[in-house]
Amino acid sequence: MGLLIIIVNATVRVLVLAVFVYSLLRYFLDPFHPVIDTLGRIVDPLLKPIRKYVSPVGGMDFSPLILMIALQVVGAIIVALLRSFQ
């Protein structure tokens, strides 16, 4: 079970980091840059459902922040469930 908890924690951390880097680089790099394209293929499918319900406020897109919080909450719930089975 311990290995599974480590895998879940690592996956959540990598996804949160990918969302953060993607949202930060979108402001500084060309939209067709290969790094943004690659990160977009990972992050955009996760952001699309959130963007349906949360529209940008004052030009700021809060969907990456909501996704990062949601990933951490879901990860914490999964880890808590896994620890309860030990």
N, C-alpha and C. Protein backbone atom coordinates (compact mmCIF):
# COMPACT_ATOMS: atom_id res chain seq x y z
N MET A 1 0.81 -1.19 0.00
CA MET A 1 0.00 0.00 0.00
C MET A 1 0.86 1.26 0.00
N GLY A 2 2.01 1.18 0.68
CA GLY A 2 2.87 2.35 0.76
C GLY A 2 3.36 2.81 -0.60
N LEU A 3 3.65 1.88 -1.47
CA LEU A 3 4.11 2.23 -2.82
C LEU A 3 2.99 2.91 -3.61
N LEU A 4 1.78 2.44 -3.44
CA LEU A 4 0.63 3.03 -4.13
C LEU A 4 0.38 4.46 -3.66
N ILE A 5 0.56 4.71 -2.38
CA ILE A 5 0.41 6.06 -1.84
C ILE A 5 1.48 6.98 -2.43
N ILE A 6 2.69 6.49 -2.53
CA ILE A 6 3.78 7.29 -3.12
C ILE A 6 3.48 7.60 -4.58
N ILE A 7 2.95 6.64 -5.30
CA ILE A 7 2.62 6.86 -6.72
C ILE A 7 1.51 7.90 -6.87
N VAL A 8 0.48 7.81 -6.03
CA VAL A 8 -0.62 8.79 -6.08
C VAL A 8 -0.09 10.18 -5.76
N ASN A 9 0.70 10.30 -4.71
CA ASN A 9 1.27 11.61 -4.34
C ASN A 9 2.15 12.18 -5.45
N ALA A 10 2.97 11.34 -6.05
CA ALA A 10 3.85 11.80 -7.13
C ALA A 10 3.05 12.23 -8.35
N THR A 11 2.02 11.47 -8.68
CA THR A 11 1.18 11.81 -9.83
C THR A 11 0.49 13.15 -9.63
N VAL A 12 -0.05 13.37 -8.44
CA VAL A 12 -0.71 14.63 -8.14
C VAL A 12 0.28 15.78 -8.21
N ARG A 13 1.46 15.60 -7.66
CA ARG A 13 2.47 16.67 -7.70
C ARG A 13 2.89 17.00 -9.13
N VAL A 14 3.09 15.98 -9.95
CA VAL A 14 3.49 16.22 -11.34
C VAL A 14 2.38 16.93 -12.10
N LEU A 15 1.13 16.53 -11.90
CA LEU A 15 0.02 17.18 -12.59
C LEU A 15 -0.15 18.63 -12.14
N VAL A 16 -0.03 18.89 -10.85
CA VAL A 16 -0.14 20.27 -10.35
C VAL A 16 0.99 21.12 -10.91
N LEU A 17 2.19 20.57 -10.95
CA LEU A 17 3.33 21.30 -11.53
C LEU A 17 3.11 21.56 -13.02
N ALA A 18 2.57 20.59 -13.74
CA ALA A 18 2.31 20.77 -15.17
C ALA A 18 1.27 21.87 -15.40
N VAL A 19 0.23 21.90 -14.59
CA VAL A 19 -0.80 22.95 -14.72
C VAL A 19 -0.19 24.31 -14.42
N PHE A 20 0.61 24.39 -13.37
CA PHE A 20 1.24 25.67 -13.00
C PHE A 20 2.17 26.18 -14.10
N VAL A 21 3.03 25.31 -14.59
CA VAL A 21 3.99 25.70 -15.63
C VAL A 21 3.24 26.08 -16.91
N TYR A 22 2.23 25.31 -17.27
CA TYR A 22 1.45 25.60 -18.47
C TYR A 22 0.77 26.97 -18.38
N SER A 23 0.14 27.24 -17.25
CA SER A 23 -0.57 28.52 -17.13
C SER A 23 0.41 29.69 -17.07
N LEU A 24 1.60 29.47 -16.52
CA LEU A 24 2.59 30.54 -16.47
C LEU A 24 3.22 30.78 -17.83
N LEU A 25 3.58 29.72 -18.54
CA LEU A 25 4.24 29.87 -19.84
C LEU A 25 3.30 30.41 -20.92
N ARG A 26 1.99 30.21 -20.75
CA ARG A 26 1.07 30.74 -21.76
C ARG A 26 1.13 32.25 -21.86
N TYR A 27 1.55 32.92 -20.78
CA TYR A 27 1.64 34.38 -20.79
C TYR A 27 2.95 34.87 -21.40
N PHE A 28 3.96 34.02 -21.46
CA PHE A 28 5.28 34.49 -21.89
C PHE A 28 5.76 33.92 -23.22
N LEU A 29 5.26 32.76 -23.62
CA LEU A 29 5.74 32.15 -24.85
C LEU A 29 4.69 32.24 -25.96
N ASP A 30 5.15 32.00 -27.15
CA ASP A 30 4.29 31.95 -28.31
C ASP A 30 3.29 30.79 -28.15
N PRO A 31 2.02 30.99 -28.52
CA PRO A 31 1.04 29.92 -28.35
C PRO A 31 1.38 28.63 -29.10
N PHE A 32 2.22 28.72 -30.12
CA PHE A 32 2.57 27.54 -30.91
C PHE A 32 3.93 26.96 -30.53
N HIS A 33 4.46 27.38 -29.40
CA HIS A 33 5.74 26.86 -28.92
C HIS A 33 5.57 25.37 -28.58
N PRO A 34 6.57 24.54 -28.88
CA PRO A 34 6.45 23.09 -28.64
C PRO A 34 6.20 22.73 -27.17
N VAL A 35 6.76 23.49 -26.25
CA VAL A 35 6.56 23.19 -24.83
C VAL A 35 5.10 23.42 -24.45
N ILE A 36 4.54 24.53 -24.90
CA ILE A 36 3.13 24.83 -24.60
C ILE A 36 2.23 23.81 -25.29
N ASP A 37 2.58 23.42 -26.49
CA ASP A 37 1.79 22.41 -27.20
C ASP A 37 1.78 21.08 -26.45
N THR A 38 2.95 20.67 -25.98
CA THR A 38 3.05 19.40 -25.25
C THR A 38 2.31 19.45 -23.93
N LEU A 39 2.52 20.52 -23.16
CA LEU A 39 1.81 20.65 -21.89
C LEU A 39 0.31 20.80 -22.11
N GLY A 40 -0.06 21.47 -23.19
CA GLY A 40 -1.48 21.65 -23.49
C GLY A 40 -2.19 20.34 -23.76
N ARG A 41 -1.48 19.40 -24.38
CA ARG A 41 -2.09 18.09 -24.63
C ARG A 41 -2.37 17.33 -23.34
N ILE A 42 -1.61 17.64 -22.29
CA ILE A 42 -1.82 16.99 -21.00
C ILE A 42 -2.85 17.76 -20.17
N VAL A 43 -2.74 19.07 -20.15
CA VAL A 43 -3.51 19.89 -19.22
C VAL A 43 -4.87 20.31 -19.78
N ASP A 44 -4.96 20.62 -21.06
CA ASP A 44 -6.23 21.11 -21.62
C ASP A 44 -7.42 20.17 -21.43
N PRO A 45 -7.26 18.86 -21.59
CA PRO A 45 -8.42 17.99 -21.33
C PRO A 45 -8.92 18.06 -19.88
N LEU A 46 -8.04 18.39 -18.95
CA LEU A 46 -8.45 18.54 -17.56
C LEU A 46 -9.09 19.90 -17.31
N LEU A 47 -8.67 20.91 -18.07
CA LEU A 47 -9.19 22.27 -17.87
C LEU A 47 -10.52 22.51 -18.58
N LYS A 48 -10.79 21.81 -19.67
CA LYS A 48 -12.00 22.07 -20.46
C LYS A 48 -13.29 21.94 -19.66
N PRO A 49 -13.48 20.91 -18.84
CA PRO A 49 -14.74 20.84 -18.07
C PRO A 49 -14.88 21.99 -17.08
N ILE A 50 -13.78 22.45 -16.53
CA ILE A 50 -13.84 23.57 -15.57
C ILE A 50 -14.16 24.86 -16.30
N ARG A 51 -13.59 25.03 -17.49
CA ARG A 51 -13.83 26.26 -18.26
C ARG A 51 -15.27 26.37 -18.76
N LYS A 52 -15.99 25.26 -18.80
CA LYS A 52 -17.41 25.32 -19.18
C LYS A 52 -18.22 26.08 -18.14
N TYR A 53 -17.82 25.97 -16.87
CA TYR A 53 -18.60 26.54 -15.78
C TYR A 53 -18.00 27.81 -15.20
N VAL A 54 -16.69 27.99 -15.37
CA VAL A 54 -16.02 29.16 -14.81
C VAL A 54 -15.48 30.00 -15.95
N SER A 55 -16.10 31.14 -16.16
CA SER A 55 -15.62 32.02 -17.22
C SER A 55 -14.57 32.97 -16.65
N PRO A 56 -13.68 33.49 -17.50
CA PRO A 56 -12.65 34.41 -17.02
C PRO A 56 -13.26 35.67 -16.40
N VAL A 57 -12.66 36.12 -15.31
CA VAL A 57 -13.13 37.30 -14.60
C VAL A 57 -12.09 38.39 -14.77
N GLY A 58 -12.46 39.46 -15.43
CA GLY A 58 -11.53 40.56 -15.65
C GLY A 58 -10.30 40.17 -16.44
N GLY A 59 -10.45 39.22 -17.35
CA GLY A 59 -9.33 38.77 -18.16
C GLY A 59 -8.46 37.72 -17.49
N MET A 60 -8.79 37.35 -16.26
CA MET A 60 -8.02 36.33 -15.53
C MET A 60 -8.78 35.00 -15.58
N ASP A 61 -8.07 33.96 -15.96
CA ASP A 61 -8.64 32.62 -16.04
C ASP A 61 -8.29 31.87 -14.75
N PHE A 62 -9.30 31.61 -13.94
CA PHE A 62 -9.09 30.94 -12.66
C PHE A 62 -9.22 29.42 -12.74
N SER A 63 -9.47 28.88 -13.93
CA SER A 63 -9.63 27.43 -14.05
C SER A 63 -8.36 26.65 -13.70
N PRO A 64 -7.14 27.13 -14.00
CA PRO A 64 -5.96 26.38 -13.55
C PRO A 64 -5.85 26.30 -12.02
N LEU A 65 -6.20 27.39 -11.35
CA LEU A 65 -6.16 27.40 -9.89
C LEU A 65 -7.18 26.40 -9.33
N ILE A 66 -8.37 26.40 -9.89
CA ILE A 66 -9.40 25.46 -9.45
C ILE A 66 -8.97 24.03 -9.70
N LEU A 67 -8.34 23.78 -10.85
CA LEU A 67 -7.86 22.44 -11.16
C LEU A 67 -6.77 22.00 -10.19
N MET A 68 -5.84 22.89 -9.87
CA MET A 68 -4.77 22.52 -8.94
C MET A 68 -5.32 22.18 -7.55
N ILE A 69 -6.29 22.97 -7.10
CA ILE A 69 -6.91 22.68 -5.80
C ILE A 69 -7.67 21.37 -5.85
N ALA A 70 -8.42 21.14 -6.93
CA ALA A 70 -9.19 19.91 -7.07
C ALA A 70 -8.28 18.68 -7.12
N LEU A 71 -7.17 18.78 -7.83
CA LEU A 71 -6.23 17.66 -7.89
C LEU A 71 -5.68 17.33 -6.51
N GLN A 72 -5.35 18.35 -5.75
CA GLN A 72 -4.81 18.11 -4.41
C GLN A 72 -5.86 17.52 -3.48
N VAL A 73 -7.10 17.98 -3.59
CA VAL A 73 -8.17 17.44 -2.75
C VAL A 73 -8.44 15.98 -3.11
N VAL A 74 -8.55 15.69 -4.39
CA VAL A 74 -8.80 14.30 -4.82
C VAL A 74 -7.63 13.40 -4.42
N GLY A 75 -6.41 13.89 -4.58
CA GLY A 75 -5.25 13.12 -4.17
C GLY A 75 -5.25 12.83 -2.69
N ALA A 76 -5.60 13.83 -1.89
CA ALA A 76 -5.65 13.64 -0.43
C ALA A 76 -6.73 12.63 -0.04
N ILE A 77 -7.86 12.67 -0.72
CA ILE A 77 -8.93 11.71 -0.44
C ILE A 77 -8.49 10.29 -0.80
N ILE A 78 -7.86 10.14 -1.94
CA ILE A 78 -7.39 8.81 -2.35
C ILE A 78 -6.34 8.27 -1.38
N VAL A 79 -5.42 9.13 -0.96
CA VAL A 79 -4.39 8.70 -0.01
C VAL A 79 -5.02 8.33 1.33
N ALA A 80 -6.00 9.10 1.78
CA ALA A 80 -6.69 8.78 3.04
C ALA A 80 -7.41 7.44 2.95
N LEU A 81 -8.04 7.19 1.81
CA LEU A 81 -8.71 5.90 1.62
C LEU A 81 -7.71 4.75 1.60
N LEU A 82 -6.59 4.96 0.93
CA LEU A 82 -5.57 3.90 0.90
C LEU A 82 -4.97 3.64 2.28
N ARG A 83 -4.78 4.71 3.05
CA ARG A 83 -4.24 4.52 4.40
C ARG A 83 -5.24 3.83 5.32
N SER A 84 -6.52 4.01 5.07
CA SER A 84 -7.52 3.35 5.92
C SER A 84 -7.55 1.84 5.69
N PHE A 85 -7.06 1.38 4.54
CA PHE A 85 -7.05 -0.07 4.24
C PHE A 85 -5.78 -0.76 4.74
N GLN A 86 -4.84 0.00 5.28
CA GLN A 86 -3.59 -0.62 5.75
C GLN A 86 -3.81 -1.35 7.04
